């Protein structure tokens, strides 16, 4: 498992990657702590190893991926410029 957190438009967004060796795919669990509403949790459809590995590479480039206020290049690239 690997995760990264960021603040996007006032919401705390945490993405957790899970690898299934049997399926050979990643699943992404998306946690959203909404500023003006209820927290949500959603699981993605399985994604390819290549796609998941790209996300993990960005997560691993940060020394504090759990820090929602981090503004390193990995966080910026992962969240596509949407960080608060």
PDB file of N, CA and C in Angstrom:
ATOM      1  N   UNK A   1       0.841  -1.184   0.000  1.00  0.00           N
ATOM      2  CA  UNK A   1       0.000   0.000   0.000  1.00  0.00           C
ATOM      3  C   UNK A   1       0.882   1.243   0.000  1.00  0.00           C
ATOM      4  N   UNK A   2       0.431   2.256  -0.693  1.00  0.00           N
ATOM      5  CA  UNK A   2       1.062   3.564  -0.698  1.00  0.00           C
ATOM      6  C   UNK A   2      -0.045   4.605  -0.743  1.00  0.00           C
ATOM      7  N   UNK A   3       0.203   5.767  -0.138  1.00  0.00           N
ATOM      8  CA  UNK A   3      -0.826   6.802  -0.148  1.00  0.00           C
ATOM      9  C   UNK A   3      -0.204   8.177  -0.299  1.00  0.00           C
ATOM     10  N   UNK A   4      -1.058   9.121  -0.728  1.00  0.00           N
ATOM     11  CA  UNK A   4      -0.668  10.522  -0.835  1.00  0.00           C
ATOM     12  C   UNK A   4      -1.893  11.365  -0.492  1.00  0.00           C
ATOM     13  N   UNK A   5      -1.647  12.469   0.228  1.00  0.00           N
ATOM     14  CA  UNK A   5      -2.724  13.384   0.617  1.00  0.00           C
ATOM     15  C   UNK A   5      -2.424  14.783   0.114  1.00  0.00           C
ATOM     16  N   UNK A   6      -3.480  15.499  -0.239  1.00  0.00           N
ATOM     17  CA  UNK A   6      -3.340  16.878  -0.677  1.00  0.00           C
ATOM     18  C   UNK A   6      -4.627  17.643  -0.431  1.00  0.00           C
ATOM     19  N   UNK A   7      -4.526  18.961  -0.354  1.00  0.00           N
ATOM     20  CA  UNK A   7      -5.708  19.821  -0.213  1.00  0.00           C
ATOM     21  C   UNK A   7      -6.072  20.370  -1.580  1.00  0.00           C
ATOM     22  N   UNK A   8      -7.309  20.110  -1.976  1.00  0.00           N
ATOM     23  CA  UNK A   8      -7.808  20.558  -3.273  1.00  0.00           C
ATOM     24  C   UNK A   8      -9.133  21.276  -3.039  1.00  0.00           C
ATOM     25  N   UNK A   9      -9.155  22.571  -3.314  1.00  0.00           N
ATOM     26  CA  UNK A   9     -10.355  23.391  -3.152  1.00  0.00           C
ATOM     27  C   UNK A   9     -10.951  23.248  -1.745  1.00  0.00           C
ATOM     28  N   UNK A  10     -10.091  23.217  -0.722  1.00  0.00           N
ATOM     29  CA  UNK A  10     -10.539  23.136   0.664  1.00  0.00           C
ATOM     30  C   UNK A  10     -10.803  21.731   1.165  1.00  0.00           C
ATOM     31  N   UNK A  11     -10.783  20.753   0.293  1.00  0.00           N
ATOM     32  CA  UNK A  11     -11.044  19.363   0.688  1.00  0.00           C
ATOM     33  C   UNK A  11      -9.724  18.622   0.850  1.00  0.00           C
ATOM     34  N   UNK A  12      -9.659  17.729   1.846  1.00  0.00           N
ATOM     35  CA  UNK A  12      -8.485  16.871   1.978  1.00  0.00           C
ATOM     36  C   UNK A  12      -8.728  15.619   1.142  1.00  0.00           C
ATOM     37  N   UNK A  13      -7.826  15.366   0.214  1.00  0.00           N
ATOM     38  CA  UNK A  13      -7.929  14.224  -0.689  1.00  0.00           C
ATOM     39  C   UNK A  13      -6.786  13.264  -0.386  1.00  0.00           C
ATOM     40  N   UNK A  14      -7.119  12.017  -0.106  1.00  0.00           N
ATOM     41  CA  UNK A  14      -6.116  10.992   0.144  1.00  0.00           C
ATOM     42  C   UNK A  14      -6.382   9.834  -0.798  1.00  0.00           C
ATOM     43  N   UNK A  15      -5.372   9.467  -1.575  1.00  0.00           N
ATOM     44  CA  UNK A  15      -5.459   8.347  -2.508  1.00  0.00           C
ATOM     45  C   UNK A  15      -4.556   7.231  -2.006  1.00  0.00           C
ATOM     46  N   UNK A  16      -5.113   6.030  -1.865  1.00  0.00           N
ATOM     47  CA  UNK A  16      -4.363   4.859  -1.404  1.00  0.00           C
ATOM     48  C   UNK A  16      -4.326   3.820  -2.513  1.00  0.00           C
ATOM     49  N   UNK A  17      -3.132   3.360  -2.841  1.00  0.00           N
ATOM     50  CA  UNK A  17      -2.939   2.357  -3.879  1.00  0.00           C
ATOM     51  C   UNK A  17      -2.784   0.984  -3.242  1.00  0.00           C
ATOM     52  N   UNK A  18      -3.514  -0.001  -3.763  1.00  0.00           N
ATOM     53  CA  UNK A  18      -3.417  -1.389  -3.322  1.00  0.00           C
ATOM     54  C   UNK A  18      -3.075  -2.253  -4.527  1.00  0.00           C
ATOM     55  N   UNK A  19      -2.119  -3.143  -4.364  1.00  0.00           N
ATOM     56  CA  UNK A  19      -1.691  -4.040  -5.434  1.00  0.00           C
ATOM     57  C   UNK A  19      -2.258  -5.427  -5.172  1.00  0.00           C
ATOM     58  N   UNK A  20      -2.823  -6.051  -6.201  1.00  0.00           N
ATOM     59  CA  UNK A  20      -3.291  -7.433  -6.130  1.00  0.00           C
ATOM     60  C   UNK A  20      -2.389  -8.274  -7.023  1.00  0.00           C
ATOM     61  N   UNK A  21      -1.564  -9.102  -6.397  1.00  0.00           N
ATOM     62  CA  UNK A  21      -0.660  -9.960  -7.151  1.00  0.00           C
ATOM     63  C   UNK A  21      -1.392 -11.002  -7.973  1.00  0.00           C
ATOM     64  N   UNK A  22      -2.540 -11.454  -7.491  1.00  0.00           N
ATOM     65  CA  UNK A  22      -3.327 -12.449  -8.218  1.00  0.00           C
ATOM     66  C   UNK A  22      -3.889 -11.863  -9.510  1.00  0.00           C
ATOM     67  N   UNK A  23      -4.429 -10.659  -9.408  1.00  0.00           N
ATOM     68  CA  UNK A  23      -5.035  -9.997 -10.580  1.00  0.00           C
ATOM     69  C   UNK A  23      -3.996  -9.278 -11.449  1.00  0.00           C
ATOM     70  N   UNK A  24      -2.864  -8.901 -10.840  1.00  0.00           N
ATOM     71  CA  UNK A  24      -1.866  -8.120 -11.568  1.00  0.00           C
ATOM     72  C   UNK A  24      -2.339  -6.710 -11.847  1.00  0.00           C
ATOM     73  N   UNK A  25      -3.115  -6.144 -10.894  1.00  0.00           N
ATOM     74  CA  UNK A  25      -3.667  -4.801 -11.087  1.00  0.00           C
ATOM     75  C   UNK A  25      -3.671  -4.035  -9.770  1.00  0.00           C
ATOM     76  N   UNK A  26      -3.749  -2.711  -9.890  1.00  0.00           N
ATOM     77  CA  UNK A  26      -3.890  -1.832  -8.735  1.00  0.00           C
ATOM     78  C   UNK A  26      -5.351  -1.439  -8.579  1.00  0.00           C
ATOM     79  N   UNK A  27      -5.753  -1.204  -7.335  1.00  0.00           N
ATOM     80  CA  UNK A  27      -7.018  -0.566  -7.026  1.00  0.00           C
ATOM     81  C   UNK A  27      -6.692   0.679  -6.231  1.00  0.00           C
ATOM     82  N   UNK A  28      -7.391   1.729  -6.491  1.00  0.00           N
ATOM     83  CA  UNK A  28      -7.179   2.998  -5.831  1.00  0.00           C
ATOM     84  C   UNK A  28      -8.387   3.288  -4.951  1.00  0.00           C
ATOM     85  N   UNK A  29      -8.153   3.507  -3.652  1.00  0.00           N
ATOM     86  CA  UNK A  29      -9.224   3.916  -2.740  1.00  0.00           C
ATOM     87  C   UNK A  29      -9.079   5.417  -2.546  1.00  0.00           C
ATOM     88  N   UNK A  30     -10.145   6.140  -2.835  1.00  0.00           N
ATOM     89  CA  UNK A  30     -10.155   7.602  -2.802  1.00  0.00           C
ATOM     90  C   UNK A  30     -10.940   8.081  -1.584  1.00  0.00           C
ATOM     91  N   UNK A  31     -10.254   8.738  -0.665  1.00  0.00           N
ATOM     92  CA  UNK A  31     -10.881   9.338   0.511  1.00  0.00           C
ATOM     93  C   UNK A  31     -10.990  10.833   0.276  1.00  0.00           C
ATOM     94  N   UNK A  32     -12.173  11.397   0.516  1.00  0.00           N
ATOM     95  CA  UNK A  32     -12.382  12.833   0.364  1.00  0.00           C
ATOM     96  C   UNK A  32     -13.040  13.361   1.628  1.00  0.00           C
ATOM     97  N   UNK A  33     -12.310  14.207   2.358  1.00  0.00           N
ATOM     98  CA  UNK A  33     -12.851  14.887   3.526  1.00  0.00           C
ATOM     99  C   UNK A  33     -13.302  16.255   3.042  1.00  0.00           C
ATOM    100  N   UNK A  34     -14.572  16.350   2.736  1.00  0.00           N
ATOM    101  CA  UNK A  34     -15.140  17.523   2.082  1.00  0.00           C
ATOM    102  C   UNK A  34     -15.318  18.651   3.091  1.00  0.00           C
ATOM    103  N   UNK A  35     -14.839  19.835   2.738  1.00  0.00           N
ATOM    104  CA  UNK A  35     -14.885  21.005   3.610  1.00  0.00           C
ATOM    105  C   UNK A  35     -16.309  21.305   4.075  1.00  0.00           C
ATOM    106  N   UNK A  36     -17.256  21.264   3.181  1.00  0.00           N
ATOM    107  CA  UNK A  36     -18.634  21.644   3.506  1.00  0.00           C
ATOM    108  C   UNK A  36     -19.593  20.469   3.310  1.00  0.00           C
ATOM    109  N   UNK A  37     -19.199  19.285   3.746  1.00  0.00           N
ATOM    110  CA  UNK A  37     -20.074  18.132   3.570  1.00  0.00           C
ATOM    111  C   UNK A  37     -19.503  16.898   4.231  1.00  0.00           C
ATOM    112  N   UNK A  38     -20.061  15.774   3.861  1.00  0.00           N
ATOM    113  CA  UNK A  38     -19.650  14.507   4.454  1.00  0.00           C
ATOM    114  C   UNK A  38     -18.412  13.942   3.774  1.00  0.00           C
ATOM    115  N   UNK A  39     -17.651  13.194   4.552  1.00  0.00           N
ATOM    116  CA  UNK A  39     -16.496  12.489   4.012  1.00  0.00           C
ATOM    117  C   UNK A  39     -16.987  11.350   3.124  1.00  0.00           C
ATOM    118  N   UNK A  40     -16.269  11.108   2.047  1.00  0.00           N
ATOM    119  CA  UNK A  40     -16.630  10.021   1.145  1.00  0.00           C
ATOM    120  C   UNK A  40     -15.438   9.093   0.939  1.00  0.00           C
ATOM    121  N   UNK A  41     -15.754   7.846   0.613  1.00  0.00           N
ATOM    122  CA  UNK A  41     -14.746   6.850   0.275  1.00  0.00           C
ATOM    123  C   UNK A  41     -15.244   6.127  -0.962  1.00  0.00           C
ATOM    124  N   UNK A  42     -14.354   5.988  -1.957  1.00  0.00           N
ATOM    125  CA  UNK A  42     -14.746   5.323  -3.208  1.00  0.00           C
ATOM    126  C   UNK A  42     -13.571   4.498  -3.700  1.00  0.00           C
ATOM    127  N   UNK A  43     -13.851   3.322  -4.221  1.00  0.00           N
ATOM    128  CA  UNK A  43     -12.822   2.486  -4.836  1.00  0.00           C
ATOM    129  C   UNK A  43     -12.897   2.613  -6.347  1.00  0.00           C
ATOM    130  N   UNK A  44     -11.731   2.701  -6.977  1.00  0.00           N
ATOM    131  CA  UNK A  44     -11.671   2.796  -8.425  1.00  0.00           C
ATOM    132  C   UNK A  44     -11.837   1.412  -9.049  1.00  0.00           C
ATOM    133  N   UNK A  45     -11.999   1.422 -10.334  1.00  0.00           N
ATOM    134  CA  UNK A  45     -11.896   0.182 -11.093  1.00  0.00           C
ATOM    135  C   UNK A  45     -10.424  -0.232 -11.079  1.00  0.00           C
ATOM    136  N   UNK A  46     -10.121  -1.507 -11.238  1.00  0.00           N
ATOM    137  CA  UNK A  46      -8.708  -1.917 -11.303  1.00  0.00           C
ATOM    138  C   UNK A  46      -7.994  -1.194 -12.445  1.00  0.00           C
ATOM    139  N   UNK A  47      -6.725  -0.839 -12.188  1.00  0.00           N
ATOM    140  CA  UNK A  47      -5.924  -0.190 -13.218  1.00  0.00           C
ATOM    141  C   UNK A  47      -4.666  -1.003 -13.484  1.00  0.00           C
ATOM    142  N   UNK A  48      -4.060  -0.745 -14.601  1.00  0.00           N
ATOM    143  CA  UNK A  48      -2.903  -1.520 -15.036  1.00  0.00           C
ATOM    144  C   UNK A  48      -1.696  -1.290 -14.116  1.00  0.00           C
ATOM    145  N   UNK A  49      -0.769  -2.213 -14.184  1.00  0.00           N
ATOM    146  CA  UNK A  49       0.465  -2.087 -13.409  1.00  0.00           C
ATOM    147  C   UNK A  49       1.210  -0.826 -13.822  1.00  0.00           C
ATOM    148  N   UNK A  50       1.288  -0.543 -15.105  1.00  0.00           N
ATOM    149  CA  UNK A  50       2.000   0.640 -15.594  1.00  0.00           C
ATOM    150  C   UNK A  50       1.372   1.924 -15.038  1.00  0.00           C
ATOM    151  N   UNK A  51       0.053   2.005 -15.056  1.00  0.00           N
ATOM    152  CA  UNK A  51      -0.636   3.192 -14.558  1.00  0.00           C
ATOM    153  C   UNK A  51      -0.408   3.353 -13.052  1.00  0.00           C
ATOM    154  N   UNK A  52      -0.559   2.279 -12.303  1.00  0.00           N
ATOM    155  CA  UNK A  52      -0.333   2.336 -10.859  1.00  0.00           C
ATOM    156  C   UNK A  52       1.105   2.660 -10.515  1.00  0.00           C
ATOM    157  N   UNK A  53       2.037   2.093 -11.258  1.00  0.00           N
ATOM    158  CA  UNK A  53       3.454   2.357 -11.011  1.00  0.00           C
ATOM    159  C   UNK A  53       3.791   3.835 -11.214  1.00  0.00           C
ATOM    160  N   UNK A  54       3.123   4.509 -12.163  1.00  0.00           N
ATOM    161  CA  UNK A  54       3.342   5.949 -12.370  1.00  0.00           C
ATOM    162  C   UNK A  54       2.917   6.733 -11.129  1.00  0.00           C
ATOM    163  N   UNK A  55       1.768   6.380 -10.564  1.00  0.00           N
ATOM    164  CA  UNK A  55       1.314   7.040  -9.338  1.00  0.00           C
ATOM    165  C   UNK A  55       2.259   6.779  -8.185  1.00  0.00           C
ATOM    166  N   UNK A  56       2.713   5.538  -8.038  1.00  0.00           N
ATOM    167  CA  UNK A  56       3.641   5.191  -6.960  1.00  0.00           C
ATOM    168  C   UNK A  56       4.968   5.929  -7.102  1.00  0.00           C
ATOM    169  N   UNK A  57       5.422   6.119  -8.324  1.00  0.00           N
ATOM    170  CA  UNK A  57       6.678   6.842  -8.549  1.00  0.00           C
ATOM    171  C   UNK A  57       6.570   8.274  -8.020  1.00  0.00           C
ATOM    172  N   UNK A  58       5.439   8.921  -8.263  1.00  0.00           N
ATOM    173  CA  UNK A  58       5.242  10.283  -7.756  1.00  0.00           C
ATOM    174  C   UNK A  58       5.146  10.284  -6.234  1.00  0.00           C
ATOM    175  N   UNK A  59       4.430   9.325  -5.673  1.00  0.00           N
ATOM    176  CA  UNK A  59       4.300   9.232  -4.218  1.00  0.00           C
ATOM    177  C   UNK A  59       5.668   9.031  -3.580  1.00  0.00           C
ATOM    178  N   UNK A  60       6.449   8.149  -4.122  1.00  0.00           N
ATOM    179  CA  UNK A  60       7.760   7.837  -3.552  1.00  0.00           C
ATOM    180  C   UNK A  60       8.776   8.966  -3.732  1.00  0.00           C
ATOM    181  N   UNK A  61       8.487   9.919  -4.603  1.00  0.00           N
ATOM    182  CA  UNK A  61       9.404  11.043  -4.785  1.00  0.00           C
ATOM    183  C   UNK A  61       9.273  12.065  -3.653  1.00  0.00           C
ATOM    184  N   UNK A  62       8.277  11.901  -2.797  1.00  0.00           N
ATOM    185  CA  UNK A  62       8.025  12.817  -1.680  1.00  0.00           C
ATOM    186  C   UNK A  62       8.447  12.163  -0.370  1.00  0.00           C
ATOM    187  N   UNK A  63       9.087  12.947   0.501  1.00  0.00           N
ATOM    188  CA  UNK A  63       9.488  12.433   1.806  1.00  0.00           C
ATOM    189  C   UNK A  63       8.327  12.421   2.801  1.00  0.00           C
ATOM    190  N   UNK A  64       7.251  13.147   2.520  1.00  0.00           N
ATOM    191  CA  UNK A  64       6.079  13.202   3.390  1.00  0.00           C
ATOM    192  C   UNK A  64       4.783  13.113   2.580  1.00  0.00           C
ATOM    193  N   UNK A  65       4.518  11.999   1.925  1.00  0.00           N
ATOM    194  CA  UNK A  65       3.326  11.922   1.079  1.00  0.00           C
ATOM    195  C   UNK A  65       2.012  12.079   1.849  1.00  0.00           C
ATOM    196  N   UNK A  66       1.998  11.821   3.142  1.00  0.00           N
ATOM    197  CA  UNK A  66       0.807  11.959   3.977  1.00  0.00           C
ATOM    198  C   UNK A  66       0.513  13.421   4.331  1.00  0.00           C
ATOM    199  N   UNK A  67       1.485  14.323   4.097  1.00  0.00           N
ATOM    200  CA  UNK A  67       1.352  15.726   4.470  1.00  0.00           C
ATOM    201  C   UNK A  67       0.535  16.463   3.417  1.00  0.00           C
ATOM    202  N   UNK A  68      -0.696  16.764   3.751  1.00  0.00           N
ATOM    203  CA  UNK A  68      -1.611  17.413   2.799  1.00  0.00           C
ATOM    204  C   UNK A  68      -1.169  18.812   2.395  1.00  0.00           C
ATOM    205  N   UNK A  69      -0.265  19.405   3.143  1.00  0.00           N
ATOM    206  CA  UNK A  69       0.205  20.757   2.841  1.00  0.00           C
ATOM    207  C   UNK A  69       1.549  20.777   2.095  1.00  0.00           C
ATOM    208  N   UNK A  70       2.090  19.613   1.794  1.00  0.00           N
ATOM    209  CA  UNK A  70       3.359  19.526   1.070  1.00  0.00           C
ATOM    210  C   UNK A  70       3.179  20.071  -0.352  1.00  0.00           C
ATOM    211  N   UNK A  71       4.188  20.793  -0.827  1.00  0.00           N
ATOM    212  CA  UNK A  71       4.131  21.370  -2.174  1.00  0.00           C
ATOM    213  C   UNK A  71       5.350  20.947  -2.994  1.00  0.00           C
ATOM    214  N   UNK A  72       5.853  19.743  -2.746  1.00  0.00           N
ATOM    215  CA  UNK A  72       6.996  19.242  -3.514  1.00  0.00           C
ATOM    216  C   UNK A  72       6.568  18.970  -4.958  1.00  0.00           C
ATOM    217  N   UNK A  73       7.537  18.700  -5.804  1.00  0.00           N
ATOM    218  CA  UNK A  73       7.244  18.422  -7.212  1.00  0.00           C
ATOM    219  C   UNK A  73       6.365  17.182  -7.374  1.00  0.00           C
ATOM    220  N   UNK A  74       6.580  16.165  -6.525  1.00  0.00           N
ATOM    221  CA  UNK A  74       5.751  14.954  -6.597  1.00  0.00           C
ATOM    222  C   UNK A  74       4.288  15.240  -6.318  1.00  0.00           C
ATOM    223  N   UNK A  75       4.006  16.019  -5.273  1.00  0.00           N
ATOM    224  CA  UNK A  75       2.629  16.391  -4.954  1.00  0.00           C
ATOM    225  C   UNK A  75       2.017  17.220  -6.090  1.00  0.00           C
ATOM    226  N   UNK A  76       2.776  18.193  -6.564  1.00  0.00           N
ATOM    227  CA  UNK A  76       2.262  19.052  -7.637  1.00  0.00           C
ATOM    228  C   UNK A  76       1.944  18.240  -8.885  1.00  0.00           C
ATOM    229  N   UNK A  77       2.828  17.331  -9.241  1.00  0.00           N
ATOM    230  CA  UNK A  77       2.596  16.510 -10.437  1.00  0.00           C
ATOM    231  C   UNK A  77       1.425  15.554 -10.215  1.00  0.00           C
ATOM    232  N   UNK A  78       1.349  14.946  -9.036  1.00  0.00           N
ATOM    233  CA  UNK A  78       0.282  13.974  -8.768  1.00  0.00           C
ATOM    234  C   UNK A  78      -1.089  14.647  -8.842  1.00  0.00           C
ATOM    235  N   UNK A  79      -1.223  15.792  -8.192  1.00  0.00           N
ATOM    236  CA  UNK A  79      -2.520  16.468  -8.138  1.00  0.00           C
ATOM    237  C   UNK A  79      -2.737  17.438  -9.299  1.00  0.00           C
ATOM    238  N   UNK A  80      -1.829  17.444 -10.248  1.00  0.00           N
ATOM    239  CA  UNK A  80      -2.030  18.191 -11.487  1.00  0.00           C
ATOM    240  C   UNK A  80      -2.223  19.682 -11.324  1.00  0.00           C
ATOM    241  N   UNK A  81      -1.556  20.288 -10.360  1.00  0.00           N
ATOM    242  CA  UNK A  81      -1.678  21.734 -10.196  1.00  0.00           C
ATOM    243  C   UNK A  81      -2.928  22.182  -9.472  1.00  0.00           C
ATOM    244  N   UNK A  82      -3.701  21.277  -8.891  1.00  0.00           N
ATOM    245  CA  UNK A  82      -4.956  21.622  -8.218  1.00  0.00           C
ATOM    246  C   UNK A  82      -4.794  21.878  -6.729  1.00  0.00           C
ATOM    247  N   UNK A  83      -3.577  21.786  -6.200  1.00  0.00           N
ATOM    248  CA  UNK A  83      -3.393  21.985  -4.764  1.00  0.00           C
ATOM    249  C   UNK A  83      -3.723  23.397  -4.341  1.00  0.00           C
ATOM    250  N   UNK A  84      -4.317  23.530  -3.141  1.00  0.00           N
ATOM    251  CA  UNK A  84      -4.616  24.856  -2.574  1.00  0.00           C
ATOM    252  C   UNK A  84      -3.323  25.549  -2.221  1.00  0.00           C
TER     253      UNK A  84
END
